[in-house]
Amino acid sequence: MIEKLAAGAQFKLPYVHVVVNNSYLGLIRQAQRAFDMDFCVQLGFENINSPETNGYGVDHVAVAEGLGCKAIRVFKPEELKPALQKAQSMLSEFNVPVIVEVILERVTNISMGTEIDAINEFEELATKREDAPTASACSTKKQRPALASGQPEQYT
């Protein structure tokens, strides 16, 4: 990612890049799960240069800014939408990549896969608001995909 950010700033390529930060090298840690391993993949430490990272270690905002980009850090789900809107406005103002770093719970398993139609879910998907009380998608009334019963469920 580092070199792509620098190239984006160098060639004035405005785009929004979202970084999900769970304080782990997630792809490596998740690959180790099959072997009951969790070996040296945590990135959490008290960063003496960036106490605002609250033990999450790497200051991705400082890294991005050091590469000529702009960056925003989000700690709460309700901050995400305003941060993305601000990032969009920063694109036209600065004409460089804007990174939105989203701080997740530590060790959050991230859905991943090699193709959009071949995504691995490492945890069961939330089916009720109670399953994911902090999910930003649950903050407005929307219709969920059909459940096992075949009927869509409404949530607010």
C-alpha atoms as a PDB file:
ATOM      1  CA  MET A   1       0.000   0.000   0.000  1.00  0.00           C
ATOM      2  CA  ILE A   2       2.773   2.445   0.873  1.00  0.00           C
ATOM      3  CA  GLU A   3       4.179   2.876  -2.628  1.00  0.00           C
ATOM      4  CA  LYS A   4       0.709   3.219  -4.143  1.00  0.00           C
ATOM      5  CA  LEU A   5      -0.103   6.081  -1.792  1.00  0.00           C
ATOM      6  CA  ALA A   6       3.130   7.869  -2.651  1.00  0.00           C
ATOM      7  CA  ALA A   7       2.481   7.389  -6.381  1.00  0.00           C
ATOM      8  CA  GLY A   8      -1.079   8.667  -5.922  1.00  0.00           C
ATOM      9  CA  ALA A   9       0.229  11.823  -4.261  1.00  0.00           C
ATOM     10  CA  GLN A  10       3.021  12.215  -6.827  1.00  0.00           C
ATOM     11  CA  PHE A  11       0.663  11.995  -9.800  1.00  0.00           C
ATOM     12  CA  LYS A  12      -2.213  13.831  -8.074  1.00  0.00           C
ATOM     13  CA  LEU A  13      -4.659  10.910  -8.210  1.00  0.00           C
ATOM     14  CA  PRO A  14      -7.564  11.735  -5.894  1.00  0.00           C
ATOM     15  CA  TYR A  15      -9.286   8.663  -4.444  1.00  0.00           C
ATOM     16  CA  VAL A  16     -10.562   7.561  -1.037  1.00  0.00           C
ATOM     17  CA  HIS A  17      -8.725   4.613   0.504  1.00  0.00           C
ATOM     18  CA  VAL A  18     -10.307   2.963   3.566  1.00  0.00           C
ATOM     19  CA  VAL A  19      -7.970   1.205   6.024  1.00  0.00           C
ATOM     20  CA  VAL A  20      -9.590  -1.046   8.623  1.00  0.00           C
ATOM     21  CA  ASN A  21      -7.360  -1.216  11.687  1.00  0.00           C
ATOM     22  CA  ASN A  22      -7.850  -4.092  14.109  1.00  0.00           C
ATOM     23  CA  SER A  23      -4.285  -3.799  15.427  1.00  0.00           C
ATOM     24  CA  TYR A  24      -3.267  -7.072  13.778  1.00  0.00           C
ATOM     25  CA  LEU A  25      -1.755  -8.260  10.531  1.00  0.00           C
ATOM     26  CA  GLY A  26      -5.151  -9.720   9.742  1.00  0.00           C
ATOM     27  CA  LEU A  27      -4.426 -11.684   6.573  1.00  0.00           C
ATOM     28  CA  ILE A  28      -1.562 -13.493   8.272  1.00  0.00           C
ATOM     29  CA  ARG A  29      -3.401 -14.014  11.571  1.00  0.00           C
ATOM     30  CA  GLN A  30      -6.521 -15.306   9.844  1.00  0.00           C
ATOM     31  CA  ALA A  31      -4.452 -17.708   7.720  1.00  0.00           C
ATOM     32  CA  GLN A  32      -2.836 -19.003  10.928  1.00  0.00           C
ATOM     33  CA  ARG A  33      -6.210 -19.863  12.472  1.00  0.00           C
ATOM     34  CA  ALA A  34      -6.322 -23.205  10.675  1.00  0.00           C
ATOM     35  CA  PHE A  35      -3.159 -24.172  12.567  1.00  0.00           C
ATOM     36  CA  ASP A  36      -4.229 -22.790  15.985  1.00  0.00           C
ATOM     37  CA  MET A  37      -1.496 -20.169  15.757  1.00  0.00           C
ATOM     38  CA  ASP A  38      -1.338 -16.514  16.740  1.00  0.00           C
ATOM     39  CA  PHE A  39       2.348 -15.869  16.343  1.00  0.00           C
ATOM     40  CA  CYS A  40       3.773 -12.356  16.241  1.00  0.00           C
ATOM     41  CA  VAL A  41       1.061 -10.732  14.170  1.00  0.00           C
ATOM     42  CA  GLN A  42      -0.234  -8.212  16.706  1.00  0.00           C
ATOM     43  CA  LEU A  43       0.591  -4.568  16.023  1.00  0.00           C
ATOM     44  CA  GLY A  44      -0.754  -3.115  19.260  1.00  0.00           C
ATOM     45  CA  PHE A  45       1.719  -1.111  21.301  1.00  0.00           C
ATOM     46  CA  GLU A  46       1.864   2.279  22.982  1.00  0.00           C
ATOM     47  CA  ASN A  47       3.242   4.542  20.251  1.00  0.00           C
ATOM     48  CA  ILE A  48       5.238   7.230  22.076  1.00  0.00           C
ATOM     49  CA  ASN A  49       4.940   9.516  19.053  1.00  0.00           C
ATOM     50  CA  SER A  50       1.175   9.084  18.659  1.00  0.00           C
ATOM     51  CA  PRO A  51      -0.619   8.560  21.971  1.00  0.00           C
ATOM     52  CA  GLU A  52      -3.940   9.224  20.198  1.00  0.00           C
ATOM     53  CA  THR A  53      -3.697   5.751  18.645  1.00  0.00           C
ATOM     54  CA  ASN A  54      -4.627   4.381  22.104  1.00  0.00           C
ATOM     55  CA  GLY A  55      -2.415   1.306  21.979  1.00  0.00           C
ATOM     56  CA  TYR A  56      -3.149   0.452  18.346  1.00  0.00           C
ATOM     57  CA  GLY A  57       0.497   1.047  17.473  1.00  0.00           C
ATOM     58  CA  VAL A  58       1.043   2.231  13.916  1.00  0.00           C
ATOM     59  CA  ASP A  59      -0.164   5.772  13.227  1.00  0.00           C
ATOM     60  CA  HIS A  60      -1.608   5.270   9.750  1.00  0.00           C
ATOM     61  CA  VAL A  61      -2.625   8.939   9.565  1.00  0.00           C
ATOM     62  CA  ALA A  62       0.976  10.069  10.090  1.00  0.00           C
ATOM     63  CA  VAL A  63       2.246   7.477   7.591  1.00  0.00           C
ATOM     64  CA  ALA A  64      -0.244   8.626   4.942  1.00  0.00           C
ATOM     65  CA  GLU A  65       0.537  12.293   5.529  1.00  0.00           C
ATOM     66  CA  GLY A  66       4.269  11.522   5.345  1.00  0.00           C
ATOM     67  CA  LEU A  67       3.647  10.117   1.867  1.00  0.00           C
ATOM     68  CA  GLY A  68       1.927  13.299   0.692  1.00  0.00           C
ATOM     69  CA  CYS A  69      -1.662  12.169   1.239  1.00  0.00           C
ATOM     70  CA  LYS A  70      -4.407  13.384   3.550  1.00  0.00           C
ATOM     71  CA  ALA A  71      -5.942  11.167   6.219  1.00  0.00           C
ATOM     72  CA  ILE A  72      -8.766  10.929   8.743  1.00  0.00           C
ATOM     73  CA  ARG A  73      -9.111   8.519  11.695  1.00  0.00           C
ATOM     74  CA  VAL A  74     -12.516   7.176  12.781  1.00  0.00           C
ATOM     75  CA  PHE A  75     -13.112   5.615  16.209  1.00  0.00           C
ATOM     76  CA  LYS A  76     -16.914   5.276  16.329  1.00  0.00           C
ATOM     77  CA  PRO A  77     -19.419   3.905  13.794  1.00  0.00           C
ATOM     78  CA  GLU A  78     -21.355   7.177  13.770  1.00  0.00           C
ATOM     79  CA  GLU A  79     -18.186   8.998  12.674  1.00  0.00           C
ATOM     80  CA  LEU A  80     -17.794   6.941   9.499  1.00  0.00           C
ATOM     81  CA  LYS A  81     -20.355   8.615   7.234  1.00  0.00           C
ATOM     82  CA  PRO A  82     -19.192  12.179   8.083  1.00  0.00           C
ATOM     83  CA  ALA A  83     -15.565  11.088   7.630  1.00  0.00           C
ATOM     84  CA  LEU A  84     -16.290   9.664   4.179  1.00  0.00           C
ATOM     85  CA  GLN A  85     -18.131  12.858   3.239  1.00  0.00           C
ATOM     86  CA  LYS A  86     -15.188  14.947   4.463  1.00  0.00           C
ATOM     87  CA  ALA A  87     -12.788  12.703   2.532  1.00  0.00           C
ATOM     88  CA  GLN A  88     -14.792  13.307  -0.647  1.00  0.00           C
ATOM     89  CA  SER A  89     -14.549  17.071  -0.188  1.00  0.00           C
ATOM     90  CA  MET A  90     -10.809  16.817   0.542  1.00  0.00           C
ATOM     91  CA  LEU A  91     -10.299  15.084  -2.826  1.00  0.00           C
ATOM     92  CA  SER A  92     -11.217  18.183  -4.785  1.00  0.00           C
ATOM     93  CA  GLU A  93      -9.447  20.505  -2.354  1.00  0.00           C
ATOM     94  CA  PHE A  94      -6.082  18.696  -2.285  1.00  0.00           C
ATOM     95  CA  ASN A  95      -6.173  16.438  -5.383  1.00  0.00           C
ATOM     96  CA  VAL A  96      -4.355  13.587  -3.600  1.00  0.00           C
ATOM     97  CA  PRO A  97      -5.454  10.262  -2.067  1.00  0.00           C
ATOM     98  CA  VAL A  98      -7.372  10.570   1.201  1.00  0.00           C
ATOM     99  CA  ILE A  99      -7.092   7.704   3.665  1.00  0.00           C
ATOM    100  CA  VAL A 100      -9.932   6.995   6.094  1.00  0.00           C
ATOM    101  CA  GLU A 101      -8.603   4.795   8.903  1.00  0.00           C
ATOM    102  CA  VAL A 102     -11.390   2.958  10.739  1.00  0.00           C
ATOM    103  CA  ILE A 103     -10.436   1.679  14.186  1.00  0.00           C
ATOM    104  CA  LEU A 104     -12.116  -1.697  14.824  1.00  0.00           C
ATOM    105  CA  GLU A 105     -12.220  -3.892  17.879  1.00  0.00           C
ATOM    106  CA  ARG A 106      -8.915  -5.692  18.230  1.00  0.00           C
ATOM    107  CA  VAL A 107      -8.706  -9.045  16.541  1.00  0.00           C
ATOM    108  CA  THR A 108     -11.810  -8.412  14.442  1.00  0.00           C
ATOM    109  CA  ASN A 109     -11.969 -11.011  11.695  1.00  0.00           C
ATOM    110  CA  ILE A 110     -12.307  -9.370   8.306  1.00  0.00           C
ATOM    111  CA  SER A 111     -14.270 -10.943   5.467  1.00  0.00           C
ATOM    112  CA  MET A 112     -11.899 -11.659   2.611  1.00  0.00           C
ATOM    113  CA  GLY A 113     -11.509 -13.588  -0.598  1.00  0.00           C
ATOM    114  CA  THR A 114      -9.857 -13.566  -3.985  1.00  0.00           C
ATOM    115  CA  GLU A 115     -13.048 -12.685  -5.894  1.00  0.00           C
ATOM    116  CA  ILE A 116     -16.141 -10.678  -4.998  1.00  0.00           C
ATOM    117  CA  ASP A 117     -18.284 -13.806  -5.372  1.00  0.00           C
ATOM    118  CA  ALA A 118     -15.913 -15.954  -3.253  1.00  0.00           C
ATOM    119  CA  ILE A 119     -15.749 -14.155   0.085  1.00  0.00           C
ATOM    120  CA  ASN A 120     -14.951 -16.056   3.279  1.00  0.00           C
ATOM    121  CA  GLU A 121     -16.900 -15.043   6.353  1.00  0.00           C
ATOM    122  CA  PHE A 122     -14.970 -15.971   9.489  1.00  0.00           C
ATOM    123  CA  GLU A 123     -17.830 -15.242  11.836  1.00  0.00           C
ATOM    124  CA  GLU A 124     -21.569 -15.681  11.480  1.00  0.00           C
ATOM    125  CA  LEU A 125     -23.259 -12.723   9.848  1.00  0.00           C
ATOM    126  CA  ALA A 126     -25.511 -10.606  12.014  1.00  0.00           C
ATOM    127  CA  THR A 127     -29.159 -11.446  11.396  1.00  0.00           C
ATOM    128  CA  LYS A 128     -30.731  -9.199  14.057  1.00  0.00           C
ATOM    129  CA  ARG A 129     -29.908  -5.734  15.367  1.00  0.00           C
ATOM    130  CA  GLU A 130     -28.962  -7.336  18.711  1.00  0.00           C
ATOM    131  CA  ASP A 131     -26.224  -9.296  16.920  1.00  0.00           C
ATOM    132  CA  ALA A 132     -24.454  -6.100  15.868  1.00  0.00           C
ATOM    133  CA  PRO A 133     -25.640  -3.204  18.044  1.00  0.00           C
ATOM    134  CA  THR A 134     -22.871  -0.886  16.857  1.00  0.00           C
ATOM    135  CA  ALA A 135     -23.220  -1.650  13.136  1.00  0.00           C
ATOM    136  CA  SER A 136     -23.660   1.609  11.243  1.00  0.00           C
ATOM    137  CA  ALA A 137     -25.881  -0.128   8.680  1.00  0.00           C
ATOM    138  CA  CYS A 138     -28.465  -0.659  11.423  1.00  0.00           C
ATOM    139  CA  SER A 139     -28.857   3.053  12.110  1.00  0.00           C
ATOM    140  CA  THR A 140     -31.505   3.661   9.418  1.00  0.00           C
ATOM    141  CA  LYS A 141     -34.499   1.650   8.347  1.00  0.00           C
ATOM    142  CA  LYS A 142     -33.536  -0.748   5.585  1.00  0.00           C
ATOM    143  CA  GLN A 143     -34.603  -4.112   4.296  1.00  0.00           C
ATOM    144  CA  ARG A 144     -32.392  -7.109   4.912  1.00  0.00           C
ATOM    145  CA  PRO A 145     -31.927  -9.891   2.407  1.00  0.00           C
ATOM    146  CA  ALA A 146     -34.274 -12.836   2.757  1.00  0.00           C
ATOM    147  CA  LEU A 147     -33.710 -14.952   5.853  1.00  0.00           C
ATOM    148  CA  ALA A 148     -33.867 -18.731   6.028  1.00  0.00           C
ATOM    149  CA  SER A 149     -37.665 -18.417   6.079  1.00  0.00           C
ATOM    150  CA  GLY A 150     -37.488 -16.726   2.671  1.00  0.00           C
ATOM    151  CA  GLN A 151     -39.041 -13.545   4.029  1.00  0.00           C
ATOM    152  CA  PRO A 152     -37.060 -10.303   4.217  1.00  0.00           C
ATOM    153  CA  GLU A 153     -36.745  -8.801   7.690  1.00  0.00           C
ATOM    154  CA  GLN A 154     -37.152  -5.087   8.377  1.00  0.00           C
ATOM    155  CA  TYR A 155     -34.858  -3.381  10.848  1.00  0.00           C
ATOM    156  CA  THR A 156     -34.461   0.167  12.077  1.00  0.00           C
END
